[in-house]
Amino acid sequence: MTTANNVIHELVNQHCEEIPKGSKALIIPSIESNLSQLHEWEAPLDYSKISKTYSFKNYHQTIAFVNAVTWISNREDHHPEVCFGYNQCTVTLTTHNAKGLTMNDMIMAAKIDALLD
């Protein structure tokens, strides 16, 4: 298994933790390091969130994906912004209590990607 696959495997097998209000967000080098392992997730210049757009063949596949993301986010108690249309879905992750990104966002990104593996 490659290093990237090892990192993804580790993230997928972790669980989100409660983040108390006022917690510190990840620092930029840590965010960049994690993003380099996550396929096609992007962050804006302020690194306050990450997002990815997924494309699907039809509406039914899109809705199935949205429902799966909903199930995972409820199980992990970390809820992304999900916007979808006929054949695409954009997922945006951030941790409001830290006013930025935390490991919970990286864990969720890996788990969401794993839905399509």
PDB file of N, CA and C in Angstrom:
ATOM      1  N   MET A   1       0.842  -1.176   0.000  1.00  0.00           N
ATOM      2  CA  MET A   1       0.000   0.000   0.000  1.00  0.00           C
ATOM      3  C   MET A   1       0.888   1.240   0.000  1.00  0.00           C
ATOM      4  N   THR A   2       0.551   2.230  -0.820  1.00  0.00           N
ATOM      5  CA  THR A   2       1.344   3.453  -0.868  1.00  0.00           C
ATOM      6  C   THR A   2       1.110   4.293   0.367  1.00  0.00           C
ATOM      7  N   THR A   3       1.971   5.289   0.567  1.00  0.00           N
ATOM      8  CA  THR A   3       1.824   6.180   1.712  1.00  0.00           C
ATOM      9  C   THR A   3       0.475   6.885   1.682  1.00  0.00           C
ATOM     10  N   ALA A   4       0.058   7.376   0.509  1.00  0.00           N
ATOM     11  CA  ALA A   4      -1.240   8.056   0.390  1.00  0.00           C
ATOM     12  C   ALA A   4      -2.359   7.114   0.781  1.00  0.00           C
ATOM     13  N   ASN A   5      -2.285   5.868   0.307  1.00  0.00           N
ATOM     14  CA  ASN A   5      -3.324   4.892   0.667  1.00  0.00           C
ATOM     15  C   ASN A   5      -3.321   4.609   2.154  1.00  0.00           C
ATOM     16  N   ASN A   6      -2.131   4.572   2.775  1.00  0.00           N
ATOM     17  CA  ASN A   6      -2.043   4.357   4.222  1.00  0.00           C
ATOM     18  C   ASN A   6      -2.724   5.486   4.983  1.00  0.00           C
ATOM     19  N   VAL A   7      -2.474   6.722   4.569  1.00  0.00           N
ATOM     20  CA  VAL A   7      -3.075   7.892   5.232  1.00  0.00           C
ATOM     21  C   VAL A   7      -4.586   7.844   5.090  1.00  0.00           C
ATOM     22  N   ILE A   8      -5.066   7.574   3.889  1.00  0.00           N
ATOM     23  CA  ILE A   8      -6.512   7.499   3.653  1.00  0.00           C
ATOM     24  C   ILE A   8      -7.117   6.386   4.493  1.00  0.00           C
ATOM     25  N   HIS A   9      -6.477   5.228   4.508  1.00  0.00           N
ATOM     26  CA  HIS A   9      -6.964   4.094   5.302  1.00  0.00           C
ATOM     27  C   HIS A   9      -7.061   4.473   6.787  1.00  0.00           C
ATOM     28  N   GLU A  10      -6.041   5.162   7.284  1.00  0.00           N
ATOM     29  CA  GLU A  10      -6.056   5.601   8.685  1.00  0.00           C
ATOM     30  C   GLU A  10      -7.205   6.570   8.946  1.00  0.00           C
ATOM     31  N   LEU A  11      -7.410   7.524   8.036  1.00  0.00           N
ATOM     32  CA  LEU A  11      -8.496   8.495   8.214  1.00  0.00           C
ATOM     33  C   LEU A  11      -9.854   7.808   8.194  1.00  0.00           C
ATOM     34  N   VAL A  12     -10.056   6.899   7.253  1.00  0.00           N
ATOM     35  CA  VAL A  12     -11.348   6.204   7.124  1.00  0.00           C
ATOM     36  C   VAL A  12     -11.661   5.415   8.402  1.00  0.00           C
ATOM     37  N   ASN A  13     -10.638   4.897   9.051  1.00  0.00           N
ATOM     38  CA  ASN A  13     -10.850   4.077  10.247  1.00  0.00           C
ATOM     39  C   ASN A  13     -10.928   4.875  11.545  1.00  0.00           C
ATOM     40  N   GLN A  14     -10.774   6.181  11.463  1.00  0.00           N
ATOM     41  CA  GLN A  14     -10.923   7.026  12.652  1.00  0.00           C
ATOM     42  C   GLN A  14     -12.378   7.500  12.762  1.00  0.00           C
ATOM     43  N   HIS A  15     -12.704   8.062  13.889  1.00  0.00           N
ATOM     44  CA  HIS A  15     -14.033   8.628  14.093  1.00  0.00           C
ATOM     45  C   HIS A  15     -13.902  10.083  14.531  1.00  0.00           C
ATOM     46  N   CYS A  16     -14.869  10.868  14.150  1.00  0.00           N
ATOM     47  CA  CYS A  16     -14.892  12.276  14.542  1.00  0.00           C
ATOM     48  C   CYS A  16     -15.053  12.388  16.050  1.00  0.00           C
ATOM     49  N   GLU A  17     -14.404  13.379  16.611  1.00  0.00           N
ATOM     50  CA  GLU A  17     -14.486  13.640  18.051  1.00  0.00           C
ATOM     51  C   GLU A  17     -15.221  14.946  18.281  1.00  0.00           C
ATOM     52  N   GLU A  18     -15.788  15.078  19.454  1.00  0.00           N
ATOM     53  CA  GLU A  18     -16.446  16.333  19.792  1.00  0.00           C
ATOM     54  C   GLU A  18     -15.394  17.432  19.841  1.00  0.00           C
ATOM     55  N   ILE A  19     -15.711  18.542  19.203  1.00  0.00           N
ATOM     56  CA  ILE A  19     -14.814  19.693  19.182  1.00  0.00           C
ATOM     57  C   ILE A  19     -15.465  20.799  20.014  1.00  0.00           C
ATOM     58  N   PRO A  20     -14.908  21.112  21.176  1.00  0.00           N
ATOM     59  CA  PRO A  20     -15.501  22.164  22.005  1.00  0.00           C
ATOM     60  C   PRO A  20     -15.417  23.526  21.317  1.00  0.00           C
ATOM     61  N   LYS A  21     -16.390  24.367  21.579  1.00  0.00           N
ATOM     62  CA  LYS A  21     -16.391  25.720  21.039  1.00  0.00           C
ATOM     63  C   LYS A  21     -15.111  26.433  21.465  1.00  0.00           C
ATOM     64  N   GLY A  22     -14.501  27.127  20.522  1.00  0.00           N
ATOM     65  CA  GLY A  22     -13.265  27.848  20.802  1.00  0.00           C
ATOM     66  C   GLY A  22     -12.004  27.031  20.569  1.00  0.00           C
ATOM     67  N   SER A  23     -12.167  25.778  20.118  1.00  0.00           N
ATOM     68  CA  SER A  23     -10.996  24.950  19.815  1.00  0.00           C
ATOM     69  C   SER A  23     -10.207  25.550  18.661  1.00  0.00           C
ATOM     70  N   LYS A  24      -8.959  25.192  18.587  1.00  0.00           N
ATOM     71  CA  LYS A  24      -8.090  25.699  17.524  1.00  0.00           C
ATOM     72  C   LYS A  24      -8.266  24.865  16.254  1.00  0.00           C
ATOM     73  N   ALA A  25      -8.272  25.549  15.126  1.00  0.00           N
ATOM     74  CA  ALA A  25      -8.316  24.881  13.826  1.00  0.00           C
ATOM     75  C   ALA A  25      -6.926  24.352  13.491  1.00  0.00           C
ATOM     76  N   LEU A  26      -6.872  23.458  12.514  1.00  0.00           N
ATOM     77  CA  LEU A  26      -5.581  22.964  12.033  1.00  0.00           C
ATOM     78  C   LEU A  26      -4.770  24.108  11.433  1.00  0.00           C
ATOM     79  N   ILE A  27      -3.466  23.994  11.511  1.00  0.00           N
ATOM     80  CA  ILE A  27      -2.600  24.991  10.882  1.00  0.00           C
ATOM     81  C   ILE A  27      -2.451  24.641   9.393  1.00  0.00           C
ATOM     82  N   ILE A  28      -2.107  25.630   8.598  1.00  0.00           N
ATOM     83  CA  ILE A  28      -2.072  25.468   7.137  1.00  0.00           C
ATOM     84  C   ILE A  28      -1.174  24.309   6.686  1.00  0.00           C
ATOM     85  N   PRO A  29       0.040  24.134   7.209  1.00  0.00           N
ATOM     86  CA  PRO A  29       0.843  22.996   6.740  1.00  0.00           C
ATOM     87  C   PRO A  29       0.160  21.639   6.980  1.00  0.00           C
ATOM     88  N   SER A  30      -0.541  21.502   8.085  1.00  0.00           N
ATOM     89  CA  SER A  30      -1.265  20.265   8.369  1.00  0.00           C
ATOM     90  C   SER A  30      -2.429  20.079   7.395  1.00  0.00           C
ATOM     91  N   ILE A  31      -3.127  21.158   7.095  1.00  0.00           N
ATOM     92  CA  ILE A  31      -4.226  21.097   6.125  1.00  0.00           C
ATOM     93  C   ILE A  31      -3.683  20.689   4.765  1.00  0.00           C
ATOM     94  N   GLU A  32      -2.599  21.342   4.330  1.00  0.00           N
ATOM     95  CA  GLU A  32      -2.021  21.033   3.017  1.00  0.00           C
ATOM     96  C   GLU A  32      -1.526  19.593   2.950  1.00  0.00           C
ATOM     97  N   SER A  33      -0.940  19.120   4.020  1.00  0.00           N
ATOM     98  CA  SER A  33      -0.460  17.742   4.065  1.00  0.00           C
ATOM     99  C   SER A  33      -1.623  16.759   3.902  1.00  0.00           C
ATOM    100  N   ASN A  34      -2.707  16.997   4.619  1.00  0.00           N
ATOM    101  CA  ASN A  34      -3.881  16.130   4.505  1.00  0.00           C
ATOM    102  C   ASN A  34      -4.531  16.248   3.132  1.00  0.00           C
ATOM    103  N   LEU A  35      -4.652  17.468   2.620  1.00  0.00           N
ATOM    104  CA  LEU A  35      -5.267  17.655   1.304  1.00  0.00           C
ATOM    105  C   LEU A  35      -4.469  16.965   0.197  1.00  0.00           C
ATOM    106  N   SER A  36      -3.166  16.884   0.360  1.00  0.00           N
ATOM    107  CA  SER A  36      -2.354  16.222  -0.658  1.00  0.00           C
ATOM    108  C   SER A  36      -2.667  14.728  -0.738  1.00  0.00           C
ATOM    109  N   GLN A  37      -3.268  14.193   0.309  1.00  0.00           N
ATOM    110  CA  GLN A  37      -3.636  12.775   0.335  1.00  0.00           C
ATOM    111  C   GLN A  37      -5.089  12.545  -0.091  1.00  0.00           C
ATOM    112  N   LEU A  38      -5.895  13.590  -0.040  1.00  0.00           N
ATOM    113  CA  LEU A  38      -7.323  13.488  -0.381  1.00  0.00           C
ATOM    114  C   LEU A  38      -7.523  13.905  -1.831  1.00  0.00           C
ATOM    115  N   HIS A  39      -8.096  13.053  -2.622  1.00  0.00           N
ATOM    116  CA  HIS A  39      -8.230  13.264  -4.059  1.00  0.00           C
ATOM    117  C   HIS A  39      -9.257  14.348  -4.395  1.00  0.00           C
ATOM    118  N   GLU A  40      -8.787  15.446  -5.000  1.00  0.00           N
ATOM    119  CA  GLU A  40      -9.600  16.535  -5.556  1.00  0.00           C
ATOM    120  C   GLU A  40     -10.377  17.377  -4.530  1.00  0.00           C
ATOM    121  N   TRP A  41     -10.050  17.269  -3.259  1.00  0.00           N
ATOM    122  CA  TRP A  41     -10.628  18.193  -2.283  1.00  0.00           C
ATOM    123  C   TRP A  41      -9.850  19.497  -2.378  1.00  0.00           C
ATOM    124  N   GLU A  42     -10.567  20.619  -2.303  1.00  0.00           N
ATOM    125  CA  GLU A  42      -9.938  21.927  -2.451  1.00  0.00           C
ATOM    126  C   GLU A  42     -10.285  22.828  -1.276  1.00  0.00           C
ATOM    127  N   ALA A  43      -9.374  23.737  -0.988  1.00  0.00           N
ATOM    128  CA  ALA A  43      -9.582  24.731   0.070  1.00  0.00           C
ATOM    129  C   ALA A  43      -9.441  26.120  -0.529  1.00  0.00           C
ATOM    130  N   PRO A  44     -10.229  27.089  -0.025  1.00  0.00           N
ATOM    131  CA  PRO A  44     -10.030  28.467  -0.466  1.00  0.00           C
ATOM    132  C   PRO A  44      -8.738  29.019   0.142  1.00  0.00           C
ATOM    133  N   LEU A  45      -8.353  30.196  -0.255  1.00  0.00           N
ATOM    134  CA  LEU A  45      -7.097  30.790   0.222  1.00  0.00           C
ATOM    135  C   LEU A  45      -7.020  30.932   1.741  1.00  0.00           C
ATOM    136  N   ASP A  46      -8.164  31.087   2.395  1.00  0.00           N
ATOM    137  CA  ASP A  46      -8.133  31.236   3.859  1.00  0.00           C
ATOM    138  C   ASP A  46      -8.164  29.894   4.600  1.00  0.00           C
ATOM    139  N   TYR A  47      -8.247  28.774   3.866  1.00  0.00           N
ATOM    140  CA  TYR A  47      -8.241  27.434   4.448  1.00  0.00           C
ATOM    141  C   TYR A  47      -9.315  27.249   5.529  1.00  0.00           C
ATOM    142  N   SER A  48     -10.446  27.893   5.368  1.00  0.00           N
ATOM    143  CA  SER A  48     -11.521  27.802   6.361  1.00  0.00           C
ATOM    144  C   SER A  48     -12.434  26.604   6.143  1.00  0.00           C
ATOM    145  N   LYS A  49     -12.345  25.991   4.963  1.00  0.00           N
ATOM    146  CA  LYS A  49     -13.207  24.858   4.630  1.00  0.00           C
ATOM    147  C   LYS A  49     -12.560  24.088   3.488  1.00  0.00           C
ATOM    148  N   ILE A  50     -13.093  22.899   3.235  1.00  0.00           N
ATOM    149  CA  ILE A  50     -12.694  22.140   2.052  1.00  0.00           C
ATOM    150  C   ILE A  50     -13.961  21.704   1.330  1.00  0.00           C
ATOM    151  N   SER A  51     -13.854  21.554   0.021  1.00  0.00           N
ATOM    152  CA  SER A  51     -15.024  21.120  -0.738  1.00  0.00           C
ATOM    153  C   SER A  51     -14.605  20.268  -1.921  1.00  0.00           C
ATOM    154  N   LYS A  52     -15.573  19.502  -2.395  1.00  0.00           N
ATOM    155  CA  LYS A  52     -15.353  18.643  -3.550  1.00  0.00           C
ATOM    156  C   LYS A  52     -16.690  18.454  -4.252  1.00  0.00           C
ATOM    157  N   THR A  53     -16.655  18.454  -5.585  1.00  0.00           N
ATOM    158  CA  THR A  53     -17.853  18.195  -6.377  1.00  0.00           C
ATOM    159  C   THR A  53     -17.731  16.816  -7.010  1.00  0.00           C
ATOM    160  N   TYR A  54     -18.756  16.021  -6.809  1.00  0.00           N
ATOM    161  CA  TYR A  54     -18.840  14.671  -7.362  1.00  0.00           C
ATOM    162  C   TYR A  54     -19.831  14.680  -8.516  1.00  0.00           C
ATOM    163  N   SER A  55     -19.507  13.944  -9.567  1.00  0.00           N
ATOM    164  CA  SER A  55     -20.403  13.833 -10.729  1.00  0.00           C
ATOM    165  C   SER A  55     -20.976  12.430 -10.805  1.00  0.00           C
ATOM    166  N   PHE A  56     -22.233  12.351 -11.252  1.00  0.00           N
ATOM    167  CA  PHE A  56     -22.935  11.080 -11.335  1.00  0.00           C
ATOM    168  C   PHE A  56     -23.623  10.927 -12.684  1.00  0.00           C
ATOM    169  N   LYS A  57     -24.040   9.727 -12.959  1.00  0.00           N
ATOM    170  CA  LYS A  57     -24.678   9.403 -14.234  1.00  0.00           C
ATOM    171  C   LYS A  57     -26.100   9.954 -14.304  1.00  0.00           C
ATOM    172  N   ASN A  58     -26.795   9.979 -13.161  1.00  0.00           N
ATOM    173  CA  ASN A  58     -28.200  10.397 -13.167  1.00  0.00           C
ATOM    174  C   ASN A  58     -28.621  10.848 -11.762  1.00  0.00           C
ATOM    175  N   TYR A  59     -29.858  11.276 -11.666  1.00  0.00           N
ATOM    176  CA  TYR A  59     -30.409  11.787 -10.409  1.00  0.00           C
ATOM    177  C   TYR A  59     -30.460  10.704  -9.327  1.00  0.00           C
ATOM    178  N   HIS A  60     -30.807   9.493  -9.701  1.00  0.00           N
ATOM    179  CA  HIS A  60     -30.902   8.411  -8.713  1.00  0.00           C
ATOM    180  C   HIS A  60     -29.562   8.138  -8.046  1.00  0.00           C
ATOM    181  N   GLN A  61     -28.473   8.138  -8.837  1.00  0.00           N
ATOM    182  CA  GLN A  61     -27.149   7.940  -8.261  1.00  0.00           C
ATOM    183  C   GLN A  61     -26.774   9.113  -7.349  1.00  0.00           C
ATOM    184  N   THR A  62     -27.133  10.306  -7.769  1.00  0.00           N
ATOM    185  CA  THR A  62     -26.843  11.491  -6.960  1.00  0.00           C
ATOM    186  C   THR A  62     -27.549  11.403  -5.613  1.00  0.00           C
ATOM    187  N   ILE A  63     -28.826  11.073  -5.630  1.00  0.00           N
ATOM    188  CA  ILE A  63     -29.603  10.992  -4.384  1.00  0.00           C
ATOM    189  C   ILE A  63     -29.093   9.859  -3.496  1.00  0.00           C
ATOM    190  N   ALA A  64     -28.712   8.734  -4.084  1.00  0.00           N
ATOM    191  CA  ALA A  64     -28.150   7.638  -3.296  1.00  0.00           C
ATOM    192  C   ALA A  64     -26.885   8.100  -2.581  1.00  0.00           C
ATOM    193  N   PHE A  65     -26.053   8.863  -3.279  1.00  0.00           N
ATOM    194  CA  PHE A  65     -24.829   9.402  -2.686  1.00  0.00           C
ATOM    195  C   PHE A  65     -25.166  10.378  -1.554  1.00  0.00           C
ATOM    196  N   VAL A  66     -26.102  11.287  -1.798  1.00  0.00           N
ATOM    197  CA  VAL A  66     -26.508  12.258  -0.768  1.00  0.00           C
ATOM    198  C   VAL A  66     -27.011  11.521   0.475  1.00  0.00           C
ATOM    199  N   ASN A  67     -27.819  10.485   0.279  1.00  0.00           N
ATOM    200  CA  ASN A  67     -28.334   9.713   1.416  1.00  0.00           C
ATOM    201  C   ASN A  67     -27.208   9.017   2.170  1.00  0.00           C
ATOM    202  N   ALA A  68     -26.222   8.495   1.456  1.00  0.00           N
ATOM    203  CA  ALA A  68     -25.089   7.843   2.109  1.00  0.00           C
ATOM    204  C   ALA A  68     -24.259   8.852   2.906  1.00  0.00           C
ATOM    205  N   VAL A  69     -24.043  10.037   2.332  1.00  0.00           N
ATOM    206  CA  VAL A  69     -23.313  11.094   3.042  1.00  0.00           C
ATOM    207  C   VAL A  69     -24.080  11.482   4.310  1.00  0.00           C
ATOM    208  N   THR A  70     -25.380  11.581   4.202  1.00  0.00           N
ATOM    209  CA  THR A  70     -26.217  11.915   5.360  1.00  0.00           C
ATOM    210  C   THR A  70     -26.073  10.871   6.455  1.00  0.00           C
ATOM    211  N   TRP A  71     -26.083   9.607   6.067  1.00  0.00           N
ATOM    212  CA  TRP A  71     -25.965   8.516   7.043  1.00  0.00           C
ATOM    213  C   TRP A  71     -24.622   8.591   7.766  1.00  0.00           C
ATOM    214  N   ILE A  72     -23.544   8.743   6.994  1.00  0.00           N
ATOM    215  CA  ILE A  72     -22.205   8.825   7.602  1.00  0.00           C
ATOM    216  C   ILE A  72     -22.092  10.052   8.504  1.00  0.00           C
ATOM    217  N   SER A  73     -22.590  11.193   8.049  1.00  0.00           N
ATOM    218  CA  SER A  73     -22.448  12.418   8.847  1.00  0.00           C
ATOM    219  C   SER A  73     -23.237  12.325  10.147  1.00  0.00           C
ATOM    220  N   ASN A  74     -24.384  11.670  10.131  1.00  0.00           N
ATOM    221  CA  ASN A  74     -25.123  11.481  11.376  1.00  0.00           C
ATOM    222  C   ASN A  74     -24.404  10.521  12.307  1.00  0.00           C
ATOM    223  N   ARG A  75     -23.842   9.444  11.753  1.00  0.00           N
ATOM    224  CA  ARG A  75     -23.109   8.477  12.573  1.00  0.00           C
ATOM    225  C   ARG A  75     -21.880   9.133  13.206  1.00  0.00           C
ATOM    226  N   GLU A  76     -21.199  10.002  12.457  1.00  0.00           N
ATOM    227  CA  GLU A  76     -19.994  10.657  12.954  1.00  0.00           C
ATOM    228  C   GLU A  76     -20.300  11.950  13.722  1.00  0.00           C
ATOM    229  N   ASP A  77     -21.533  12.409  13.672  1.00  0.00           N
ATOM    230  CA  ASP A  77     -21.955  13.663  14.295  1.00  0.00           C
ATOM    231  C   ASP A  77     -21.097  14.832  13.808  1.00  0.00           C
ATOM    232  N   HIS A  78     -20.859  14.835  12.495  1.00  0.00           N
ATOM    233  CA  HIS A  78     -20.125  15.935  11.853  1.00  0.00           C
ATOM    234  C   HIS A  78     -20.797  16.167  10.507  1.00  0.00           C
ATOM    235  N   HIS A  79     -21.499  17.268  10.383  1.00  0.00           N
ATOM    236  CA  HIS A  79     -22.440  17.466   9.291  1.00  0.00           C
ATOM    237  C   HIS A  79     -21.949  18.474   8.256  1.00  0.00           C
ATOM    238  N   PRO A  80     -21.733  18.000   7.020  1.00  0.00           N
ATOM    239  CA  PRO A  80     -21.269  18.890   5.955  1.00  0.00           C
ATOM    240  C   PRO A  80     -22.413  19.670   5.334  1.00  0.00           C
ATOM    241  N   GLU A  81     -22.050  20.664   4.557  1.00  0.00           N
ATOM    242  CA  GLU A  81     -23.023  21.333   3.684  1.00  0.00           C
ATOM    243  C   GLU A  81     -23.057  20.496   2.406  1.00  0.00           C
ATOM    244  N   VAL A  82     -24.253  20.114   1.988  1.00  0.00           N
ATOM    245  CA  VAL A  82     -24.421  19.278   0.803  1.00  0.00           C
ATOM    246  C   VAL A  82     -25.352  20.002  -0.160  1.00  0.00           C
ATOM    247  N   CYS A  83     -24.863  20.282  -1.356  1.00  0.00           N
ATOM    248  CA  CYS A  83     -25.667  20.926  -2.394  1.00  0.00           C
ATOM    249  C   CYS A  83     -25.652  20.004  -3.607  1.00  0.00           C
ATOM    250  N   PHE A  84     -26.839  19.719  -4.154  1.00  0.00           N
ATOM    251  CA  PHE A  84     -26.871  18.778  -5.264  1.00  0.00           C
ATOM    252  C   PHE A  84     -27.880  19.184  -6.322  1.00  0.00           C
ATOM    253  N   GLY A  85     -27.668  18.652  -7.509  1.00  0.00           N
ATOM    254  CA  GLY A  85     -28.558  18.830  -8.648  1.00  0.00           C
ATOM    255  C   GLY A  85     -28.748  17.490  -9.330  1.00  0.00           C
ATOM    256  N   TYR A  86     -29.154  17.510 -10.556  1.00  0.00           N
ATOM    257  CA  TYR A  86     -29.487  16.282 -11.277  1.00  0.00           C
ATOM    258  C   TYR A  86     -28.358  15.246 -11.244  1.00  0.00           C
ATOM    259  N   ASN A  87     -27.156  15.637 -11.611  1.00  0.00           N
ATOM    260  CA  ASN A  87     -26.076  14.652 -11.712  1.00  0.00           C
ATOM    261  C   ASN A  87     -24.776  15.106 -11.042  1.00  0.00           C
ATOM    262  N   GLN A  88     -24.897  15.944 -10.034  1.00  0.00           N
ATOM    263  CA  GLN A  88     -23.702  16.384  -9.312  1.00  0.00           C
ATOM    264  C   GLN A  88     -24.053  16.729  -7.876  1.00  0.00           C
ATOM    265  N   CYS A  89     -23.027  16.649  -7.025  1.00  0.00           N
ATOM    266  CA  CYS A  89     -23.194  16.975  -5.607  1.00  0.00           C
ATOM    267  C   CYS A  89     -21.908  17.605  -5.112  1.00  0.00           C
ATOM    268  N   THR A  90     -22.020  18.755  -4.466  1.00  0.00           N
ATOM    269  CA  THR A  90     -20.860  19.408  -3.856  1.00  0.00           C
ATOM    270  C   THR A  90     -20.974  19.276  -2.346  1.00  0.00           C
ATOM    271  N   VAL A  91     -19.907  18.778  -1.742  1.00  0.00           N
ATOM    272  CA  VAL A  91     -19.839  18.609  -0.292  1.00  0.00           C
ATOM    273  C   VAL A  91     -18.805  19.593   0.229  1.00  0.00           C
ATOM    274  N   THR A  92     -19.183  20.353   1.253  1.00  0.00           N
ATOM    275  CA  THR A  92     -18.282  21.318   1.885  1.00  0.00           C
ATOM    276  C   THR A  92     -18.183  20.984   3.367  1.00  0.00           C
ATOM    277  N   LEU A  93     -16.967  20.924   3.859  1.00  0.00           N
ATOM    278  CA  LEU A  93     -16.703  20.581   5.257  1.00  0.00           C
ATOM    279  C   LEU A  93     -15.981  21.714   5.969  1.00  0.00           C
ATOM    280  N   THR A  94     -16.382  21.961   7.187  1.00  0.00           N
ATOM    281  CA  THR A  94     -15.703  22.883   8.089  1.00  0.00           C
ATOM    282  C   THR A  94     -16.131  22.517   9.505  1.00  0.00           C
ATOM    283  N   THR A  95     -15.414  23.004  10.494  1.00  0.00           N
ATOM    284  CA  THR A  95     -15.784  22.774  11.891  1.00  0.00           C
ATOM    285  C   THR A  95     -16.123  24.125  12.501  1.00  0.00           C
ATOM    286  N   HIS A  96     -17.396  24.361  12.698  1.00  0.00           N
ATOM    287  CA  HIS A  96     -17.854  25.674  13.175  1.00  0.00           C
ATOM    288  C   HIS A  96     -17.277  26.021  14.548  1.00  0.00           C
ATOM    289  N   ASN A  97     -17.177  25.033  15.448  1.00  0.00           N
ATOM    290  CA  ASN A  97     -16.667  25.326  16.790  1.00  0.00           C
ATOM    291  C   ASN A  97     -15.198  25.740  16.790  1.00  0.00           C
ATOM    292  N   ALA A  98     -14.465  25.395  15.735  1.00  0.00           N
ATOM    293  CA  ALA A  98     -13.063  25.802  15.627  1.00  0.00           C
ATOM    294  C   ALA A  98     -12.892  26.945  14.628  1.00  0.00           C
ATOM    295  N   LYS A  99     -13.991  27.345  13.999  1.00  0.00           N
ATOM    296  CA  LYS A  99     -13.963  28.397  12.978  1.00  0.00           C
ATOM    297  C   LYS A  99     -12.914  28.091  11.910  1.00  0.00           C
ATOM    298  N   GLY A 100     -12.876  26.833  11.486  1.00  0.00           N
ATOM    299  CA  GLY A 100     -11.926  26.406  10.467  1.00  0.00           C
ATOM    300  C   GLY A 100     -11.941  24.901  10.333  1.00  0.00           C
ATOM    301  N   LEU A 101     -10.843  24.367   9.878  1.00  0.00           N
ATOM    302  CA  LEU A 101     -10.736  22.932   9.632  1.00  0.00           C
ATOM    303  C   LEU A 101     -10.102  22.205  10.806  1.00  0.00           C
ATOM    304  N   THR A 102     -10.616  20.998  11.065  1.00  0.00           N
ATOM    305  CA  THR A 102     -10.056  20.115  12.084  1.00  0.00           C
ATOM    306  C   THR A 102      -9.862  18.739  11.467  1.00  0.00           C
ATOM    307  N   MET A 103      -9.304  17.828  12.227  1.00  0.00           N
ATOM    308  CA  MET A 103      -9.152  16.454  11.735  1.00  0.00           C
ATOM    309  C   MET A 103     -10.517  15.834  11.432  1.00  0.00           C
ATOM    310  N   ASN A 104     -11.565  16.281  12.088  1.00  0.00           N
ATOM    311  CA  ASN A 104     -12.900  15.765  11.768  1.00  0.00           C
ATOM    312  C   ASN A 104     -13.238  15.977  10.296  1.00  0.00           C
ATOM    313  N   ASP A 105     -12.842  17.106   9.749  1.00  0.00           N
ATOM    314  CA  ASP A 105     -13.125  17.395   8.344  1.00  0.00           C
ATOM    315  C   ASP A 105     -12.333  16.459   7.429  1.00  0.00           C
ATOM    316  N   MET A 106     -11.097  16.177   7.788  1.00  0.00           N
ATOM    317  CA  MET A 106     -10.271  15.276   6.987  1.00  0.00           C
ATOM    318  C   MET A 106     -10.812  13.849   7.055  1.00  0.00           C
ATOM    319  N   ILE A 107     -11.233  13.445   8.252  1.00  0.00           N
ATOM    320  CA  ILE A 107     -11.827  12.116   8.435  1.00  0.00           C
ATOM    321  C   ILE A 107     -13.084  11.987   7.585  1.00  0.00           C
ATOM    322  N   MET A 108     -13.937  12.992   7.649  1.00  0.00           N
ATOM    323  CA  MET A 108     -15.183  12.943   6.868  1.00  0.00           C
ATOM    324  C   MET A 108     -14.902  12.941   5.377  1.00  0.00           C
ATOM    325  N   ALA A 109     -13.941  13.709   4.920  1.00  0.00           N
ATOM    326  CA  ALA A 109     -13.598  13.735   3.492  1.00  0.00           C
ATOM    327  C   ALA A 109     -13.178  12.335   3.038  1.00  0.00           C
ATOM    328  N   ALA A 110     -12.336  11.680   3.826  1.00  0.00           N
ATOM    329  CA  ALA A 110     -11.891  10.328   3.475  1.00  0.00           C
ATOM    330  C   ALA A 110     -13.059   9.342   3.486  1.00  0.00           C
ATOM    331  N   LYS A 111     -13.925   9.445   4.460  1.00  0.00           N
ATOM    332  CA  LYS A 111     -15.079   8.535   4.536  1.00  0.00           C
ATOM    333  C   LYS A 111     -16.041   8.760   3.369  1.00  0.00           C
ATOM    334  N   ILE A 112     -16.233  10.010   2.995  1.00  0.00           N
ATOM    335  CA  ILE A 112     -17.131  10.311   1.877  1.00  0.00           C
ATOM    336  C   ILE A 112     -16.523   9.780   0.578  1.00  0.00           C
ATOM    337  N   ASP A 113     -15.234   9.985   0.371  1.00  0.00           N
ATOM    338  CA  ASP A 113     -14.581   9.440  -0.814  1.00  0.00           C
ATOM    339  C   ASP A 113     -14.687   7.918  -0.858  1.00  0.00           C
ATOM    340  N   ALA A 114     -14.581   7.286   0.304  1.00  0.00           N
ATOM    341  CA  ALA A 114     -14.626   5.816   0.371  1.00  0.00           C
ATOM    342  C   ALA A 114     -15.977   5.267  -0.081  1.00  0.00           C
ATOM    343  N   LEU A 115     -17.002   6.074  -0.055  1.00  0.00           N
ATOM    344  CA  LEU A 115     -18.317   5.628  -0.529  1.00  0.00           C
ATOM    345  C   LEU A 115     -18.264   5.208  -1.999  1.00  0.00           C
ATOM    346  N   LEU A 116     -17.361   5.812  -2.749  1.00  0.00           N
ATOM    347  CA  LEU A 116     -17.304   5.566  -4.192  1.00  0.00           C
ATOM    348  C   LEU A 116     -16.160   4.634  -4.588  1.00  0.00           C
ATOM    349  N   ASP A 117     -15.438   4.091  -3.622  1.00  0.00           N
ATOM    350  CA  ASP A 117     -14.355   3.155  -3.935  1.00  0.00           C
ATOM    351  C   ASP A 117     -14.912   1.769  -4.191  1.00  0.00           C
TER     352      ASP A 117
END
